[in-house]
């Protein structure tokens, strides 16, 4: 989900000044989910994307993601250890592994 979120956000902010300010570290290796910096950046990104003037850009990015799913979500390169079974789907909500 993180990769999909970052890619959709980057596409929606393509060409904007906010993209340069908010997303420069997104090219770095994935961060841990409990990383406070990541959460703060996600909040900043979400606030920018919630601007009504961005609605068309967000819709277009989501439409692109629906049409090109494999560019946004793909199986884990290295499956993380998980104590629960059945939640490591390569595409969330599909029930597939």
N, C-alpha and C. Protein backbone atom coordinates (compact mmCIF):
# COMPACT_ATOMS: atom_id res chain seq x y z
N UNK A 1 0.82 -1.19 0.00
CA UNK A 1 0.00 0.00 0.00
C UNK A 1 0.86 1.26 0.00
N UNK A 2 1.98 1.20 0.71
CA UNK A 2 2.84 2.39 0.78
C UNK A 2 3.29 2.78 -0.62
N UNK A 3 3.76 1.80 -1.39
CA UNK A 3 4.24 2.13 -2.73
C UNK A 3 3.12 2.73 -3.57
N UNK A 4 1.94 2.16 -3.49
CA UNK A 4 0.81 2.67 -4.27
C UNK A 4 0.48 4.10 -3.85
N UNK A 5 0.43 4.35 -2.54
CA UNK A 5 0.15 5.69 -2.03
C UNK A 5 1.17 6.69 -2.56
N UNK A 6 2.44 6.35 -2.47
CA UNK A 6 3.49 7.26 -2.91
C UNK A 6 3.42 7.52 -4.40
N UNK A 7 3.15 6.49 -5.18
CA UNK A 7 3.10 6.66 -6.63
C UNK A 7 1.87 7.46 -7.08
N UNK A 8 0.73 7.20 -6.46
CA UNK A 8 -0.47 7.98 -6.81
C UNK A 8 -0.28 9.43 -6.41
N UNK A 9 0.26 9.66 -5.21
CA UNK A 9 0.49 11.03 -4.75
C UNK A 9 1.46 11.75 -5.69
N UNK A 10 2.53 11.09 -6.06
CA UNK A 10 3.51 11.72 -6.96
C UNK A 10 2.88 12.06 -8.29
N UNK A 11 2.02 11.18 -8.81
CA UNK A 11 1.37 11.44 -10.09
C UNK A 11 0.40 12.62 -9.97
N UNK A 12 -0.35 12.66 -8.87
CA UNK A 12 -1.31 13.75 -8.68
C UNK A 12 -0.61 15.10 -8.51
N UNK A 13 0.59 15.08 -7.96
CA UNK A 13 1.33 16.32 -7.72
C UNK A 13 2.33 16.64 -8.83
N UNK A 14 2.31 15.84 -9.89
CA UNK A 14 3.27 16.00 -10.98
C UNK A 14 3.27 17.44 -11.48
N UNK A 15 4.47 18.02 -11.52
CA UNK A 15 4.63 19.38 -12.04
C UNK A 15 4.31 20.48 -11.04
N UNK A 16 3.96 20.12 -9.81
CA UNK A 16 3.62 21.15 -8.83
C UNK A 16 4.81 21.46 -7.93
N UNK A 17 4.79 22.64 -7.34
CA UNK A 17 5.85 23.02 -6.40
C UNK A 17 5.79 22.14 -5.15
N UNK A 18 4.58 21.72 -4.75
CA UNK A 18 4.43 20.88 -3.57
C UNK A 18 5.14 19.55 -3.75
N UNK A 19 5.15 19.02 -4.96
CA UNK A 19 5.80 17.73 -5.19
C UNK A 19 7.28 17.81 -4.82
N UNK A 20 7.93 18.86 -5.24
CA UNK A 20 9.36 19.02 -4.94
C UNK A 20 9.59 19.16 -3.44
N UNK A 21 8.66 19.80 -2.75
CA UNK A 21 8.81 20.02 -1.31
C UNK A 21 8.47 18.77 -0.51
N UNK A 22 7.43 18.05 -0.89
CA UNK A 22 6.92 16.94 -0.10
C UNK A 22 7.54 15.60 -0.45
N UNK A 23 7.77 15.34 -1.71
CA UNK A 23 8.11 13.99 -2.14
C UNK A 23 9.57 13.71 -2.49
N UNK A 24 10.55 14.57 -2.20
CA UNK A 24 11.90 14.26 -2.67
C UNK A 24 12.48 13.00 -2.05
N UNK A 25 12.11 12.67 -0.84
CA UNK A 25 12.67 11.49 -0.18
C UNK A 25 11.98 10.21 -0.60
N UNK A 26 10.95 10.28 -1.40
CA UNK A 26 10.20 9.08 -1.78
C UNK A 26 11.00 8.14 -2.67
N UNK A 27 12.08 8.61 -3.24
CA UNK A 27 12.90 7.76 -4.10
C UNK A 27 13.85 6.92 -3.25
N UNK A 28 14.00 7.29 -2.00
CA UNK A 28 14.87 6.55 -1.08
C UNK A 28 14.28 5.17 -0.80
N UNK A 29 15.08 4.26 -0.22
CA UNK A 29 14.55 2.95 0.12
C UNK A 29 13.35 3.06 1.05
N UNK A 30 12.44 2.06 1.03
CA UNK A 30 11.24 2.12 1.86
C UNK A 30 11.58 2.29 3.34
N UNK A 31 10.77 3.08 4.00
CA UNK A 31 10.94 3.30 5.44
C UNK A 31 10.06 2.34 6.21
N UNK A 32 10.37 2.18 7.47
CA UNK A 32 9.53 1.36 8.34
C UNK A 32 8.23 2.08 8.60
N UNK A 33 7.15 1.33 8.77
CA UNK A 33 5.82 1.91 8.97
C UNK A 33 5.76 2.78 10.21
N UNK A 34 6.60 2.54 11.21
CA UNK A 34 6.53 3.30 12.45
C UNK A 34 7.44 4.53 12.42
N UNK A 35 7.96 4.85 11.29
CA UNK A 35 8.84 6.00 11.14
C UNK A 35 8.03 7.29 11.26
N UNK A 36 8.30 8.10 12.28
CA UNK A 36 7.56 9.34 12.51
C UNK A 36 7.71 10.33 11.37
N UNK A 37 8.86 10.36 10.73
CA UNK A 37 9.08 11.24 9.59
C UNK A 37 8.14 10.87 8.46
N UNK A 38 8.00 9.59 8.22
CA UNK A 38 7.12 9.11 7.17
C UNK A 38 5.68 9.53 7.44
N UNK A 39 5.22 9.39 8.69
CA UNK A 39 3.85 9.77 9.03
C UNK A 39 3.64 11.26 8.84
N UNK A 40 4.60 12.07 9.23
CA UNK A 40 4.48 13.52 9.07
C UNK A 40 4.43 13.89 7.59
N UNK A 41 5.26 13.25 6.79
CA UNK A 41 5.27 13.52 5.35
C UNK A 41 3.95 13.08 4.73
N UNK A 42 3.42 11.93 5.17
CA UNK A 42 2.14 11.46 4.65
C UNK A 42 1.02 12.46 4.98
N UNK A 43 1.04 13.01 6.18
CA UNK A 43 0.04 14.02 6.56
C UNK A 43 0.16 15.25 5.67
N UNK A 44 1.39 15.72 5.45
CA UNK A 44 1.61 16.88 4.59
C UNK A 44 1.09 16.60 3.18
N UNK A 45 1.41 15.42 2.67
CA UNK A 45 0.97 15.04 1.33
C UNK A 45 -0.55 15.00 1.27
N UNK A 46 -1.18 14.38 2.25
CA UNK A 46 -2.64 14.27 2.26
C UNK A 46 -3.29 15.64 2.30
N UNK A 47 -2.74 16.56 3.10
CA UNK A 47 -3.31 17.90 3.18
C UNK A 47 -3.27 18.60 1.83
N UNK A 48 -2.17 18.45 1.12
CA UNK A 48 -2.05 19.07 -0.21
C UNK A 48 -3.04 18.43 -1.18
N UNK A 49 -3.17 17.11 -1.13
CA UNK A 49 -4.07 16.41 -2.05
C UNK A 49 -5.54 16.69 -1.76
N UNK A 50 -5.86 17.09 -0.54
CA UNK A 50 -7.25 17.39 -0.17
C UNK A 50 -7.71 18.76 -0.66
N UNK A 51 -6.80 19.57 -1.16
CA UNK A 51 -7.16 20.89 -1.68
C UNK A 51 -8.16 20.68 -2.84
N UNK A 52 -9.33 21.32 -2.77
CA UNK A 52 -10.33 21.16 -3.84
C UNK A 52 -9.80 21.48 -5.24
N UNK A 53 -8.82 22.37 -5.32
CA UNK A 53 -8.26 22.70 -6.64
C UNK A 53 -7.46 21.53 -7.23
N UNK A 54 -7.12 20.55 -6.41
CA UNK A 54 -6.38 19.37 -6.87
C UNK A 54 -7.28 18.20 -7.21
N UNK A 55 -8.57 18.34 -7.03
CA UNK A 55 -9.50 17.22 -7.21
C UNK A 55 -9.34 16.55 -8.57
N UNK A 56 -9.22 17.32 -9.63
CA UNK A 56 -9.08 16.73 -10.97
C UNK A 56 -7.77 15.94 -11.09
N UNK A 57 -6.69 16.48 -10.52
CA UNK A 57 -5.40 15.79 -10.57
C UNK A 57 -5.45 14.48 -9.79
N UNK A 58 -6.09 14.50 -8.62
CA UNK A 58 -6.21 13.29 -7.80
C UNK A 58 -7.06 12.25 -8.53
N UNK A 59 -8.19 12.67 -9.09
CA UNK A 59 -9.04 11.73 -9.85
C UNK A 59 -8.27 11.13 -11.02
N UNK A 60 -7.52 11.95 -11.73
CA UNK A 60 -6.75 11.44 -12.88
C UNK A 60 -5.69 10.44 -12.42
N UNK A 61 -5.02 10.73 -11.30
CA UNK A 61 -4.00 9.80 -10.78
C UNK A 61 -4.64 8.48 -10.37
N UNK A 62 -5.79 8.53 -9.71
CA UNK A 62 -6.49 7.30 -9.31
C UNK A 62 -6.98 6.52 -10.53
N UNK A 63 -7.47 7.23 -11.53
CA UNK A 63 -7.92 6.58 -12.77
C UNK A 63 -6.74 5.87 -13.44
N UNK A 64 -5.59 6.53 -13.47
CA UNK A 64 -4.39 5.92 -14.06
C UNK A 64 -3.99 4.68 -13.27
N UNK A 65 -4.03 4.76 -11.95
CA UNK A 65 -3.67 3.61 -11.11
C UNK A 65 -4.61 2.43 -11.37
N UNK A 66 -5.90 2.70 -11.52
CA UNK A 66 -6.84 1.61 -11.82
C UNK A 66 -6.52 0.95 -13.15
N UNK A 67 -6.11 1.73 -14.11
CA UNK A 67 -5.83 1.20 -15.44
C UNK A 67 -4.45 0.58 -15.58
N UNK A 68 -3.56 0.85 -14.64
CA UNK A 68 -2.17 0.36 -14.70
C UNK A 68 -1.76 -0.19 -13.34
N UNK A 69 -2.56 -1.11 -12.82
CA UNK A 69 -2.37 -1.60 -11.45
C UNK A 69 -0.97 -2.10 -11.18
N UNK A 70 -0.36 -2.78 -12.13
CA UNK A 70 0.97 -3.36 -11.88
C UNK A 70 2.06 -2.31 -11.70
N UNK A 71 1.80 -1.08 -12.09
CA UNK A 71 2.77 0.00 -11.86
C UNK A 71 2.67 0.56 -10.44
N UNK A 72 1.61 0.22 -9.74
CA UNK A 72 1.36 0.76 -8.41
C UNK A 72 1.45 -0.28 -7.31
N UNK A 73 1.07 -1.51 -7.61
CA UNK A 73 1.14 -2.58 -6.61
C UNK A 73 1.69 -3.84 -7.27
N UNK A 74 2.63 -4.48 -6.60
CA UNK A 74 3.19 -5.72 -7.10
C UNK A 74 3.63 -6.56 -5.91
N UNK A 75 3.88 -7.84 -6.13
CA UNK A 75 4.26 -8.72 -5.01
C UNK A 75 5.55 -8.25 -4.34
N UNK A 76 5.67 -8.61 -3.09
CA UNK A 76 6.87 -8.30 -2.32
C UNK A 76 8.10 -8.88 -3.00
N UNK A 77 9.18 -8.12 -3.04
CA UNK A 77 10.44 -8.66 -3.53
C UNK A 77 10.97 -9.68 -2.54
N UNK A 78 10.85 -9.37 -1.26
CA UNK A 78 11.24 -10.26 -0.17
C UNK A 78 10.07 -10.28 0.80
N UNK A 79 9.37 -11.39 0.88
CA UNK A 79 8.18 -11.48 1.72
C UNK A 79 8.54 -11.24 3.18
N UNK A 80 7.94 -10.23 3.80
CA UNK A 80 8.23 -9.97 5.21
C UNK A 80 7.60 -11.05 6.08
N UNK A 81 8.18 -11.24 7.26
CA UNK A 81 7.63 -12.22 8.19
C UNK A 81 6.33 -11.65 8.76
N UNK A 82 5.31 -12.46 8.81
CA UNK A 82 4.01 -12.03 9.31
C UNK A 82 3.45 -13.12 10.20
N UNK A 83 2.97 -12.75 11.37
CA UNK A 83 2.41 -13.72 12.30
C UNK A 83 1.02 -14.16 11.88
N UNK A 84 0.31 -13.32 11.18
CA UNK A 84 -1.03 -13.67 10.72
C UNK A 84 -0.93 -14.22 9.31
N UNK A 85 -1.84 -15.07 8.96
CA UNK A 85 -1.84 -15.66 7.61
C UNK A 85 -2.87 -14.96 6.73
N UNK A 86 -2.58 -14.88 5.45
CA UNK A 86 -3.55 -14.38 4.49
C UNK A 86 -3.59 -12.89 4.30
N UNK A 87 -2.68 -12.13 4.93
CA UNK A 87 -2.75 -10.68 4.73
C UNK A 87 -1.60 -10.16 3.87
N UNK A 88 -0.82 -11.02 3.29
CA UNK A 88 0.29 -10.59 2.45
C UNK A 88 -0.08 -10.64 0.97
N UNK A 89 -1.30 -10.22 0.64
CA UNK A 89 -1.74 -10.18 -0.74
C UNK A 89 -0.88 -9.20 -1.52
N UNK A 90 -0.60 -9.53 -2.79
CA UNK A 90 0.16 -8.60 -3.62
C UNK A 90 -0.71 -7.43 -4.06
N UNK A 91 -2.01 -7.61 -4.10
CA UNK A 91 -2.92 -6.53 -4.39
C UNK A 91 -3.99 -6.52 -3.31
N UNK A 92 -4.00 -5.49 -2.51
CA UNK A 92 -4.90 -5.43 -1.38
C UNK A 92 -6.34 -5.55 -1.83
N UNK A 93 -7.07 -6.39 -1.13
CA UNK A 93 -8.49 -6.56 -1.40
C UNK A 93 -8.83 -7.61 -2.42
N UNK A 94 -7.84 -8.23 -3.05
CA UNK A 94 -8.13 -9.22 -4.06
C UNK A 94 -8.23 -10.63 -3.49
N UNK A 95 -7.63 -10.86 -2.32
CA UNK A 95 -7.64 -12.19 -1.74
C UNK A 95 -6.65 -13.12 -2.42
N UNK A 96 -5.81 -12.59 -3.31
CA UNK A 96 -4.82 -13.41 -4.02
C UNK A 96 -3.46 -13.26 -3.37
N UNK A 97 -2.61 -14.23 -3.58
CA UNK A 97 -1.23 -14.15 -3.15
C UNK A 97 -0.33 -14.26 -4.34
